[in-house]
Amino acid sequence: MQKLLAVDIGGTKIACALVMQDGALLHKRQHPTDLSGPAAVVEQIAVYAGALPERPDAIGVSLPAVLAPDTDRVVWAPNLPGWRDIPFREMLEARLGLPAALEYDGHAAVLGEWWKGAAQGYRHVASVIIGTGIGGGIITDGRLWRGRNRLAGASGWFPLAGLQGVDHWENLAAGPAIARRARQLLEAGGVSALSPASVTAKAVFDAARQGDALAQQVVGEVAAFIGQGIAMIVSLVNPEIVVLGGSIGRQGDLLLDPVREATRRWAQPVSASDLLITSSTLGEEAGLLGAAYAAFSRFA
């Protein structure tokens, strides 16, 4: 098997690429996700595949879904309307005439970083993807840890003590939480160049880089929450490296130092003592490369 069609399906966009056995990405394209249902997404992928100059040998797909352990059946994809109990792999195979392999997006991301990204050469890896939510994956002793329901690493569900009581980790540290916290401070009379009507996580980070005190306060609070969540992973899994990805996790210039400090404060001290915490080197390509790696491994 020399080349694969890799697909990274998200709640807002689909990325596709032809991935060679050495990890080279060719003909990468990105489109908004058709949210009318899984059949429409199959057609989006088929259109892309039909435009390739050469036919791939198989398909590897990353998607934000709970997958049945033995069949790849989509049990539930909360950010994709209508995706519940769907034989998506069979739909793809029938439409494209190629074997397909599906992977939970958190697992695909850690596989991508381990294969071609920041975690190359490590045997114990944790990946934390922070964007509109928080997810991730774990490599332990050189193998992906999928868990009983293929959900190992779904760390956004961690309960943490927030500013207004206990909440899930992703409700404290993901993109919507960052915008919500900035809006709360602004509506309480905080002085900032940010506008309550249009504040986003990206705007908060941009303002923090410009010296905006309110934005810097929000970033500091978020970094502390991220560090607390990572500390729980580190204490439980004892990785060599933690890779932060996603649109929030890649804000390393602002986040890495305070996240490392919070992790050292709360994690098991020996596990944290020589731990490397770093940002993704693959960015949005981690899911594509991880989906390809999973398919190469399955069909080898």
C-alpha atoms as a PDB file:
ATOM      1  CA  MET A   1       0.000   0.000   0.000  1.00  0.00           C
ATOM      2  CA  GLN A   2       1.671   3.212  -1.210  1.00  0.00           C
ATOM      3  CA  LYS A   3      -0.867   6.028  -0.881  1.00  0.00           C
ATOM      4  CA  LEU A   4      -4.024   6.789   1.050  1.00  0.00           C
ATOM      5  CA  LEU A   5      -6.844   9.265   0.910  1.00  0.00           C
ATOM      6  CA  ALA A   6      -6.815  10.906   4.357  1.00  0.00           C
ATOM      7  CA  VAL A   7      -9.903  12.771   5.553  1.00  0.00           C
ATOM      8  CA  ASP A   8     -10.316  14.881   8.699  1.00  0.00           C
ATOM      9  CA  ILE A   9     -14.010  15.589   9.328  1.00  0.00           C
ATOM     10  CA  GLY A  10     -14.922  18.334  11.775  1.00  0.00           C
ATOM     11  CA  GLY A  11     -18.057  20.144  12.790  1.00  0.00           C
ATOM     12  CA  THR A  12     -17.237  23.107  10.544  1.00  0.00           C
ATOM     13  CA  LYS A  13     -14.794  21.858   7.912  1.00  0.00           C
ATOM     14  CA  ILE A  14     -13.468  18.807   6.098  1.00  0.00           C
ATOM     15  CA  ALA A  15      -9.803  18.504   5.140  1.00  0.00           C
ATOM     16  CA  CYS A  16      -8.662  15.926   2.577  1.00  0.00           C
ATOM     17  CA  ALA A  17      -5.244  14.981   1.252  1.00  0.00           C
ATOM     18  CA  LEU A  18      -3.403  12.222  -0.535  1.00  0.00           C
ATOM     19  CA  VAL A  19      -0.856  10.850   1.950  1.00  0.00           C
ATOM     20  CA  MET A  20       2.136   8.830   0.833  1.00  0.00           C
ATOM     21  CA  GLN A  21       3.696   6.055   2.878  1.00  0.00           C
ATOM     22  CA  ASP A  22       6.513   8.381   3.976  1.00  0.00           C
ATOM     23  CA  GLY A  23       3.996  10.913   5.319  1.00  0.00           C
ATOM     24  CA  ALA A  24       4.130  13.357   2.405  1.00  0.00           C
ATOM     25  CA  LEU A  25       0.863  15.291   2.030  1.00  0.00           C
ATOM     26  CA  LEU A  26      -0.264  16.002  -1.522  1.00  0.00           C
ATOM     27  CA  HIS A  27      -3.257  17.782  -3.052  1.00  0.00           C
ATOM     28  CA  LYS A  28      -4.591  19.052   0.288  1.00  0.00           C
ATOM     29  CA  ARG A  29      -8.021  20.663   0.136  1.00  0.00           C
ATOM     30  CA  GLN A  30     -10.405  22.045   2.748  1.00  0.00           C
ATOM     31  CA  HIS A  31     -14.144  22.716   2.513  1.00  0.00           C
ATOM     32  CA  PRO A  32     -17.006  23.573   4.884  1.00  0.00           C
ATOM     33  CA  THR A  33     -18.675  20.453   6.238  1.00  0.00           C
ATOM     34  CA  ASP A  34     -22.073  19.737   4.699  1.00  0.00           C
ATOM     35  CA  LEU A  35     -24.180  19.366   7.836  1.00  0.00           C
ATOM     36  CA  SER A  36     -27.229  17.954   6.079  1.00  0.00           C
ATOM     37  CA  GLY A  37     -26.144  14.416   6.965  1.00  0.00           C
ATOM     38  CA  PRO A  38     -23.562  11.658   6.522  1.00  0.00           C
ATOM     39  CA  ALA A  39     -24.600  10.860   2.930  1.00  0.00           C
ATOM     40  CA  ALA A  40     -23.760  14.444   1.935  1.00  0.00           C
ATOM     41  CA  VAL A  41     -20.314  14.127   3.539  1.00  0.00           C
ATOM     42  CA  VAL A  42     -19.705  10.893   1.626  1.00  0.00           C
ATOM     43  CA  GLU A  43     -20.426  12.829  -1.574  1.00  0.00           C
ATOM     44  CA  GLN A  44     -18.044  15.621  -0.560  1.00  0.00           C
ATOM     45  CA  ILE A  45     -15.288  13.054  -0.115  1.00  0.00           C
ATOM     46  CA  ALA A  46     -16.193  11.299  -3.376  1.00  0.00           C
ATOM     47  CA  VAL A  47     -15.970  14.579  -5.301  1.00  0.00           C
ATOM     48  CA  TYR A  48     -12.499  15.218  -3.873  1.00  0.00           C
ATOM     49  CA  ALA A  49     -11.356  11.653  -4.600  1.00  0.00           C
ATOM     50  CA  GLY A  50     -12.618  11.898  -8.161  1.00  0.00           C
ATOM     51  CA  ALA A  51     -10.451  14.961  -8.775  1.00  0.00           C
ATOM     52  CA  LEU A  52      -7.212  13.279  -7.686  1.00  0.00           C
ATOM     53  CA  PRO A  53      -4.674  12.549 -10.422  1.00  0.00           C
ATOM     54  CA  GLU A  54      -4.143   9.026  -9.068  1.00  0.00           C
ATOM     55  CA  ARG A  55      -6.361   6.538  -7.295  1.00  0.00           C
ATOM     56  CA  PRO A  56      -5.527   5.890  -3.608  1.00  0.00           C
ATOM     57  CA  ASP A  57      -5.255   2.389  -2.198  1.00  0.00           C
ATOM     58  CA  ALA A  58      -7.527   3.003   0.812  1.00  0.00           C
ATOM     59  CA  ILE A  59      -9.154   5.697   2.954  1.00  0.00           C
ATOM     60  CA  GLY A  60      -8.297   6.816   6.491  1.00  0.00           C
ATOM     61  CA  VAL A  61     -10.813   9.055   8.272  1.00  0.00           C
ATOM     62  CA  SER A  62     -10.590  11.089  11.465  1.00  0.00           C
ATOM     63  CA  LEU A  63     -13.905  12.233  12.909  1.00  0.00           C
ATOM     64  CA  PRO A  64     -15.281  13.606  16.195  1.00  0.00           C
ATOM     65  CA  ALA A  65     -17.374  10.571  17.025  1.00  0.00           C
ATOM     66  CA  VAL A  66     -17.839   7.643  19.336  1.00  0.00           C
ATOM     67  CA  LEU A  67     -16.992   4.570  17.230  1.00  0.00           C
ATOM     68  CA  ALA A  68     -18.050   0.988  17.831  1.00  0.00           C
ATOM     69  CA  PRO A  69     -14.913  -0.944  18.882  1.00  0.00           C
ATOM     70  CA  ASP A  70     -15.067  -3.722  16.300  1.00  0.00           C
ATOM     71  CA  THR A  71     -17.020  -2.287  13.361  1.00  0.00           C
ATOM     72  CA  ASP A  72     -16.164   1.441  13.100  1.00  0.00           C
ATOM     73  CA  ARG A  73     -19.902   2.151  13.184  1.00  0.00           C
ATOM     74  CA  VAL A  74     -20.559   5.760  14.238  1.00  0.00           C
ATOM     75  CA  VAL A  75     -22.402   5.474  17.541  1.00  0.00           C
ATOM     76  CA  TRP A  76     -22.701   9.219  18.084  1.00  0.00           C
ATOM     77  CA  ALA A  77     -21.090  12.367  16.706  1.00  0.00           C
ATOM     78  CA  PRO A  78     -22.460  15.234  18.828  1.00  0.00           C
ATOM     79  CA  ASN A  79     -21.101  18.020  16.615  1.00  0.00           C
ATOM     80  CA  LEU A  80     -22.462  16.464  13.399  1.00  0.00           C
ATOM     81  CA  PRO A  81     -26.273  16.678  13.271  1.00  0.00           C
ATOM     82  CA  GLY A  82     -27.977  13.394  12.464  1.00  0.00           C
ATOM     83  CA  TRP A  83     -24.873  11.261  12.980  1.00  0.00           C
ATOM     84  CA  ARG A  84     -26.129   8.582  15.347  1.00  0.00           C
ATOM     85  CA  ASP A  85     -25.861   4.835  14.683  1.00  0.00           C
ATOM     86  CA  ILE A  86     -24.482   5.377  11.161  1.00  0.00           C
ATOM     87  CA  PRO A  87     -22.563   2.751   9.072  1.00  0.00           C
ATOM     88  CA  PHE A  88     -20.303   5.471   7.716  1.00  0.00           C
ATOM     89  CA  ARG A  89     -17.393   3.203   6.834  1.00  0.00           C
ATOM     90  CA  GLU A  90     -19.628   0.947   4.756  1.00  0.00           C
ATOM     91  CA  MET A  91     -21.152   4.003   3.061  1.00  0.00           C
ATOM     92  CA  LEU A  92     -17.703   5.273   2.086  1.00  0.00           C
ATOM     93  CA  GLU A  93     -16.506   1.888   0.880  1.00  0.00           C
ATOM     94  CA  ALA A  94     -19.598   1.368  -1.259  1.00  0.00           C
ATOM     95  CA  ARG A  95     -19.368   4.833  -2.828  1.00  0.00           C
ATOM     96  CA  LEU A  96     -15.606   4.894  -3.508  1.00  0.00           C
ATOM     97  CA  GLY A  97     -14.881   1.193  -3.925  1.00  0.00           C
ATOM     98  CA  LEU A  98     -11.974   1.366  -1.479  1.00  0.00           C
ATOM     99  CA  PRO A  99     -11.349  -0.085   1.997  1.00  0.00           C
ATOM    100  CA  ALA A 100     -11.734   2.493   4.760  1.00  0.00           C
ATOM    101  CA  ALA A 101     -10.627   2.844   8.388  1.00  0.00           C
ATOM    102  CA  LEU A 102     -12.145   5.299  10.880  1.00  0.00           C
ATOM    103  CA  GLU A 103     -10.474   6.808  13.954  1.00  0.00           C
ATOM    104  CA  TYR A 104     -11.727   9.039  16.762  1.00  0.00           C
ATOM    105  CA  ASP A 105     -10.204  12.472  16.106  1.00  0.00           C
ATOM    106  CA  GLY A 106      -8.362  12.647  19.430  1.00  0.00           C
ATOM    107  CA  HIS A 107      -6.639   9.353  18.638  1.00  0.00           C
ATOM    108  CA  ALA A 108      -5.851  10.460  15.091  1.00  0.00           C
ATOM    109  CA  ALA A 109      -4.214  13.638  16.386  1.00  0.00           C
ATOM    110  CA  VAL A 110      -1.890  11.837  18.796  1.00  0.00           C
ATOM    111  CA  LEU A 111      -0.985   9.291  16.111  1.00  0.00           C
ATOM    112  CA  GLY A 112      -0.119  12.117  13.727  1.00  0.00           C
ATOM    113  CA  GLU A 113       2.121  13.865  16.270  1.00  0.00           C
ATOM    114  CA  TRP A 114       3.779  10.568  17.176  1.00  0.00           C
ATOM    115  CA  TRP A 115       4.369   9.599  13.551  1.00  0.00           C
ATOM    116  CA  LYS A 116       5.493  12.898  12.031  1.00  0.00           C
ATOM    117  CA  GLY A 117       5.161  15.640  14.609  1.00  0.00           C
ATOM    118  CA  ALA A 118       6.396  16.859  17.993  1.00  0.00           C
ATOM    119  CA  ALA A 119       6.238  13.403  19.637  1.00  0.00           C
ATOM    120  CA  GLN A 120       8.437  11.490  17.198  1.00  0.00           C
ATOM    121  CA  GLY A 121      10.769   9.125  19.010  1.00  0.00           C
ATOM    122  CA  TYR A 122       8.806   9.014  22.287  1.00  0.00           C
ATOM    123  CA  ARG A 123       7.087   5.902  23.657  1.00  0.00           C
ATOM    124  CA  HIS A 124       4.799   7.559  26.224  1.00  0.00           C
ATOM    125  CA  VAL A 125       2.814  10.474  24.775  1.00  0.00           C
ATOM    126  CA  ALA A 126      -0.277  12.462  25.697  1.00  0.00           C
ATOM    127  CA  SER A 127      -1.937  14.818  23.241  1.00  0.00           C
ATOM    128  CA  VAL A 128      -4.445  17.459  24.332  1.00  0.00           C
ATOM    129  CA  ILE A 129      -6.485  19.163  21.619  1.00  0.00           C
ATOM    130  CA  ILE A 130      -8.043  22.442  22.738  1.00  0.00           C
ATOM    131  CA  GLY A 131     -10.343  24.255  20.328  1.00  0.00           C
ATOM    132  CA  THR A 132     -14.117  24.552  20.600  1.00  0.00           C
ATOM    133  CA  GLY A 133     -13.841  21.627  23.032  1.00  0.00           C
ATOM    134  CA  ILE A 134     -11.084  19.552  24.623  1.00  0.00           C
ATOM    135  CA  GLY A 135     -10.097  16.043  23.590  1.00  0.00           C
ATOM    136  CA  GLY A 136      -6.952  14.064  23.075  1.00  0.00           C
ATOM    137  CA  GLY A 137      -5.202  10.749  22.885  1.00  0.00           C
ATOM    138  CA  ILE A 138      -2.538   8.679  24.590  1.00  0.00           C
ATOM    139  CA  ILE A 139       0.360   6.578  23.348  1.00  0.00           C
ATOM    140  CA  THR A 140       1.625   4.219  26.050  1.00  0.00           C
ATOM    141  CA  ASP A 141       4.682   2.012  25.596  1.00  0.00           C
ATOM    142  CA  GLY A 142       4.631   2.757  21.873  1.00  0.00           C
ATOM    143  CA  ARG A 143       0.991   1.822  21.279  1.00  0.00           C
ATOM    144  CA  LEU A 144      -2.208   3.834  20.945  1.00  0.00           C
ATOM    145  CA  TRP A 145      -4.454   3.372  23.972  1.00  0.00           C
ATOM    146  CA  ARG A 146      -8.011   3.287  22.625  1.00  0.00           C
ATOM    147  CA  GLY A 147      -9.869   2.125  25.725  1.00  0.00           C
ATOM    148  CA  ARG A 148     -12.992  -0.016  26.056  1.00  0.00           C
ATOM    149  CA  ASN A 149     -15.190   2.294  23.963  1.00  0.00           C
ATOM    150  CA  ARG A 150     -12.379   3.797  21.868  1.00  0.00           C
ATOM    151  CA  LEU A 151     -12.638   6.962  23.958  1.00  0.00           C
ATOM    152  CA  ALA A 152      -9.432   6.937  26.014  1.00  0.00           C
ATOM    153  CA  GLY A 153      -8.126  10.503  26.136  1.00  0.00           C
ATOM    154  CA  ALA A 154     -11.523  12.245  26.034  1.00  0.00           C
ATOM    155  CA  SER A 155     -10.278  14.479  28.822  1.00  0.00           C
ATOM    156  CA  GLY A 156     -12.617  17.420  28.249  1.00  0.00           C
ATOM    157  CA  TRP A 157     -14.990  15.700  30.667  1.00  0.00           C
ATOM    158  CA  PHE A 158     -12.613  16.100  33.641  1.00  0.00           C
ATOM    159  CA  PRO A 159     -14.361  17.899  36.531  1.00  0.00           C
ATOM    160  CA  LEU A 160     -12.422  20.935  37.747  1.00  0.00           C
ATOM    161  CA  ALA A 161     -13.154  23.649  40.275  1.00  0.00           C
ATOM    162  CA  GLY A 162     -13.902  26.749  38.238  1.00  0.00           C
ATOM    163  CA  LEU A 163     -14.543  30.340  39.237  1.00  0.00           C
ATOM    164  CA  GLN A 164     -18.240  29.592  39.749  1.00  0.00           C
ATOM    165  CA  GLY A 165     -18.174  26.009  40.967  1.00  0.00           C
ATOM    166  CA  VAL A 166     -17.201  22.641  39.531  1.00  0.00           C
ATOM    167  CA  ASP A 167     -17.496  22.253  35.768  1.00  0.00           C
ATOM    168  CA  HIS A 168     -16.113  20.149  32.929  1.00  0.00           C
ATOM    169  CA  TRP A 169     -12.588  21.039  31.829  1.00  0.00           C
ATOM    170  CA  GLU A 170     -13.661  22.101  28.336  1.00  0.00           C
ATOM    171  CA  ASN A 171     -16.263  24.444  29.825  1.00  0.00           C
ATOM    172  CA  LEU A 172     -13.425  26.239  31.609  1.00  0.00           C
ATOM    173  CA  ALA A 173     -10.561  26.255  29.111  1.00  0.00           C
ATOM    174  CA  ALA A 174     -11.808  25.772  25.534  1.00  0.00           C
ATOM    175  CA  GLY A 175     -12.512  28.555  23.029  1.00  0.00           C
ATOM    176  CA  PRO A 176     -16.134  29.324  23.975  1.00  0.00           C
ATOM    177  CA  ALA A 177     -15.155  29.466  27.664  1.00  0.00           C
ATOM    178  CA  ILE A 178     -12.404  31.976  26.918  1.00  0.00           C
ATOM    179  CA  ALA A 179     -14.798  34.270  25.044  1.00  0.00           C
ATOM    180  CA  ARG A 180     -17.464  33.862  27.753  1.00  0.00           C
ATOM    181  CA  ARG A 181     -15.041  34.783  30.552  1.00  0.00           C
ATOM    182  CA  ALA A 182     -13.828  37.882  28.708  1.00  0.00           C
ATOM    183  CA  ARG A 183     -17.443  38.904  28.117  1.00  0.00           C
ATOM    184  CA  GLN A 184     -18.232  38.490  31.838  1.00  0.00           C
ATOM    185  CA  LEU A 185     -15.360  40.756  32.821  1.00  0.00           C
ATOM    186  CA  LEU A 186     -16.325  43.365  30.220  1.00  0.00           C
ATOM    187  CA  GLU A 187     -19.966  43.382  31.303  1.00  0.00           C
ATOM    188  CA  ALA A 188     -18.817  43.775  34.910  1.00  0.00           C
ATOM    189  CA  GLY A 189     -17.093  47.029  33.934  1.00  0.00           C
ATOM    190  CA  GLY A 190     -13.649  45.778  32.950  1.00  0.00           C
ATOM    191  CA  VAL A 191     -11.620  48.135  30.772  1.00  0.00           C
ATOM    192  CA  SER A 192     -10.363  46.643  27.514  1.00  0.00           C
ATOM    193  CA  ALA A 193     -10.130  47.212  23.784  1.00  0.00           C
ATOM    194  CA  LEU A 194     -12.277  44.094  23.386  1.00  0.00           C
ATOM    195  CA  SER A 195     -15.955  44.463  22.534  1.00  0.00           C
ATOM    196  CA  PRO A 196     -18.516  42.334  24.431  1.00  0.00           C
ATOM    197  CA  ALA A 197     -20.596  41.915  21.270  1.00  0.00           C
ATOM    198  CA  SER A 198     -17.804  40.463  19.152  1.00  0.00           C
ATOM    199  CA  VAL A 199     -15.279  38.941  21.560  1.00  0.00           C
ATOM    200  CA  THR A 200     -13.761  35.600  20.515  1.00  0.00           C
ATOM    201  CA  ALA A 201     -10.974  33.452  21.891  1.00  0.00           C
ATOM    202  CA  LYS A 202      -8.732  34.593  19.031  1.00  0.00           C
ATOM    203  CA  ALA A 203      -9.482  38.235  19.840  1.00  0.00           C
ATOM    204  CA  VAL A 204      -8.565  37.620  23.483  1.00  0.00           C
ATOM    205  CA  PHE A 205      -5.176  36.142  22.583  1.00  0.00           C
ATOM    206  CA  ASP A 206      -4.480  38.902  20.050  1.00  0.00           C
ATOM    207  CA  ALA A 207      -5.346  41.566  22.639  1.00  0.00           C
ATOM    208  CA  ALA A 208      -3.172  39.876  25.264  1.00  0.00           C
ATOM    209  CA  ARG A 209      -0.213  40.090  22.897  1.00  0.00           C
ATOM    210  CA  GLN A 210      -0.872  43.829  22.588  1.00  0.00           C
ATOM    211  CA  GLY A 211      -0.690  44.276  26.353  1.00  0.00           C
ATOM    212  CA  ASP A 212      -4.436  44.405  27.098  1.00  0.00           C
ATOM    213  CA  ALA A 213      -4.662  43.770  30.853  1.00  0.00           C
ATOM    214  CA  LEU A 214      -8.133  42.211  30.828  1.00  0.00           C
ATOM    215  CA  ALA A 215      -7.189  39.829  28.022  1.00  0.00           C
ATOM    216  CA  GLN A 216      -3.985  38.918  29.859  1.00  0.00           C
ATOM    217  CA  GLN A 217      -6.033  38.135  32.971  1.00  0.00           C
ATOM    218  CA  VAL A 218      -8.257  35.775  30.974  1.00  0.00           C
ATOM    219  CA  VAL A 219      -5.260  34.054  29.376  1.00  0.00           C
ATOM    220  CA  GLY A 220      -3.677  33.609  32.799  1.00  0.00           C
ATOM    221  CA  GLU A 221      -6.841  32.029  34.200  1.00  0.00           C
ATOM    222  CA  VAL A 222      -7.166  29.722  31.211  1.00  0.00           C
ATOM    223  CA  ALA A 223      -3.521  28.665  31.407  1.00  0.00           C
ATOM    224  CA  ALA A 224      -4.062  27.694  35.050  1.00  0.00           C
ATOM    225  CA  PHE A 225      -7.069  25.549  34.111  1.00  0.00           C
ATOM    226  CA  ILE A 226      -5.165  23.921  31.248  1.00  0.00           C
ATOM    227  CA  GLY A 227      -2.281  23.141  33.580  1.00  0.00           C
ATOM    228  CA  GLN A 228      -4.605  21.580  36.154  1.00  0.00           C
ATOM    229  CA  GLY A 229      -6.151  19.298  33.540  1.00  0.00           C
ATOM    230  CA  ILE A 230      -2.746  18.285  32.191  1.00  0.00           C
ATOM    231  CA  ALA A 231      -1.606  17.589  35.744  1.00  0.00           C
ATOM    232  CA  MET A 232      -4.385  15.005  36.063  1.00  0.00           C
ATOM    233  CA  ILE A 233      -3.260  13.330  32.837  1.00  0.00           C
ATOM    234  CA  VAL A 234       0.380  13.387  33.890  1.00  0.00           C
ATOM    235  CA  SER A 235      -0.360  11.917  37.320  1.00  0.00           C
ATOM    236  CA  LEU A 236      -2.451   9.119  35.839  1.00  0.00           C
ATOM    237  CA  VAL A 237      -0.566   8.261  32.630  1.00  0.00           C
ATOM    238  CA  ASN A 238       3.042   9.316  33.392  1.00  0.00           C
ATOM    239  CA  PRO A 239       3.942  10.423  29.823  1.00  0.00           C
ATOM    240  CA  GLU A 240       7.301  11.672  28.604  1.00  0.00           C
ATOM    241  CA  ILE A 241       5.735  14.458  26.542  1.00  0.00           C
ATOM    242  CA  VAL A 242       2.424  16.317  26.334  1.00  0.00           C
ATOM    243  CA  VAL A 243       1.603  17.923  22.980  1.00  0.00           C
ATOM    244  CA  LEU A 244      -0.921  20.770  22.911  1.00  0.00           C
ATOM    245  CA  GLY A 245      -2.890  21.139  19.689  1.00  0.00           C
ATOM    246  CA  GLY A 246      -6.030  22.810  18.427  1.00  0.00           C
ATOM    247  CA  SER A 247      -6.589  26.518  17.908  1.00  0.00           C
ATOM    248  CA  ILE A 248      -6.111  27.245  21.633  1.00  0.00           C
ATOM    249  CA  GLY A 249      -3.381  24.716  22.346  1.00  0.00           C
ATOM    250  CA  ARG A 250      -1.194  26.192  19.618  1.00  0.00           C
ATOM    251  CA  GLN A 251      -1.040  29.605  21.365  1.00  0.00           C
ATOM    252  CA  GLY A 252       2.236  28.489  22.866  1.00  0.00           C
ATOM    253  CA  ASP A 253       3.914  31.897  23.130  1.00  0.00           C
ATOM    254  CA  LEU A 254       1.303  32.909  25.713  1.00  0.00           C
ATOM    255  CA  LEU A 255       0.341  29.592  27.258  1.00  0.00           C
ATOM    256  CA  LEU A 256       3.293  27.234  27.518  1.00  0.00           C
ATOM    257  CA  ASP A 257       5.173  28.816  30.435  1.00  0.00           C
ATOM    258  CA  PRO A 258       2.143  29.282  32.753  1.00  0.00           C
ATOM    259  CA  VAL A 259       0.763  25.876  31.746  1.00  0.00           C
ATOM    260  CA  ARG A 260       4.075  24.231  32.658  1.00  0.00           C
ATOM    261  CA  GLU A 261       4.101  26.066  35.979  1.00  0.00           C
ATOM    262  CA  ALA A 262       0.541  24.976  36.841  1.00  0.00           C
ATOM    263  CA  THR A 263       1.266  21.405  35.793  1.00  0.00           C
ATOM    264  CA  ARG A 264       4.335  21.231  38.032  1.00  0.00           C
ATOM    265  CA  ARG A 265       2.301  22.618  40.905  1.00  0.00           C
ATOM    266  CA  TRP A 266      -0.516  20.061  40.683  1.00  0.00           C
ATOM    267  CA  ALA A 267       0.939  16.909  39.094  1.00  0.00           C
ATOM    268  CA  GLN A 268       2.681  14.012  40.784  1.00  0.00           C
ATOM    269  CA  PRO A 269       6.125  15.583  41.295  1.00  0.00           C
ATOM    270  CA  VAL A 270       8.290  12.792  39.897  1.00  0.00           C
ATOM    271  CA  SER A 271       6.080  12.449  36.804  1.00  0.00           C
ATOM    272  CA  ALA A 272       6.235  16.211  36.258  1.00  0.00           C
ATOM    273  CA  SER A 273       9.932  16.701  36.991  1.00  0.00           C
ATOM    274  CA  ASP A 274      11.336  16.004  33.522  1.00  0.00           C
ATOM    275  CA  LEU A 275       8.107  16.223  31.518  1.00  0.00           C
ATOM    276  CA  LEU A 276       8.146  18.063  28.186  1.00  0.00           C
ATOM    277  CA  ILE A 277       5.061  20.153  27.411  1.00  0.00           C
ATOM    278  CA  THR A 278       5.106  21.616  23.932  1.00  0.00           C
ATOM    279  CA  SER A 279       2.848  22.824  21.127  1.00  0.00           C
ATOM    280  CA  SER A 280       1.936  20.798  18.067  1.00  0.00           C
ATOM    281  CA  THR A 281       4.302  21.064  15.114  1.00  0.00           C
ATOM    282  CA  LEU A 282       1.692  19.720  12.684  1.00  0.00           C
ATOM    283  CA  GLY A 283      -1.198  22.072  13.383  1.00  0.00           C
ATOM    284  CA  GLU A 284      -4.315  21.119  11.462  1.00  0.00           C
ATOM    285  CA  GLU A 285      -2.429  18.369   9.612  1.00  0.00           C
ATOM    286  CA  ALA A 286      -2.176  16.182  12.733  1.00  0.00           C
ATOM    287  CA  GLY A 287      -5.607  14.651  12.123  1.00  0.00           C
ATOM    288  CA  LEU A 288      -4.900  13.941   8.472  1.00  0.00           C
ATOM    289  CA  LEU A 289      -1.573  12.271   9.185  1.00  0.00           C
ATOM    290  CA  GLY A 290      -3.014  10.318  12.111  1.00  0.00           C
ATOM    291  CA  ALA A 291      -5.925   9.063  10.018  1.00  0.00           C
ATOM    292  CA  ALA A 292      -3.450   7.984   7.350  1.00  0.00           C
ATOM    293  CA  TYR A 293      -1.195   6.251   9.885  1.00  0.00           C
ATOM    294  CA  ALA A 294      -4.131   4.324  11.349  1.00  0.00           C
ATOM    295  CA  ALA A 295      -5.200   3.163   7.889  1.00  0.00           C
ATOM    296  CA  PHE A 296      -1.669   2.240   6.829  1.00  0.00           C
ATOM    297  CA  SER A 297      -1.361   0.188  10.022  1.00  0.00           C
ATOM    298  CA  ARG A 298      -4.699  -1.557   9.535  1.00  0.00           C
ATOM    299  CA  PHE A 299      -4.191  -2.418   5.881  1.00  0.00           C
ATOM    300  CA  ALA A 300      -0.470  -3.218   5.977  1.00  0.00           C
END
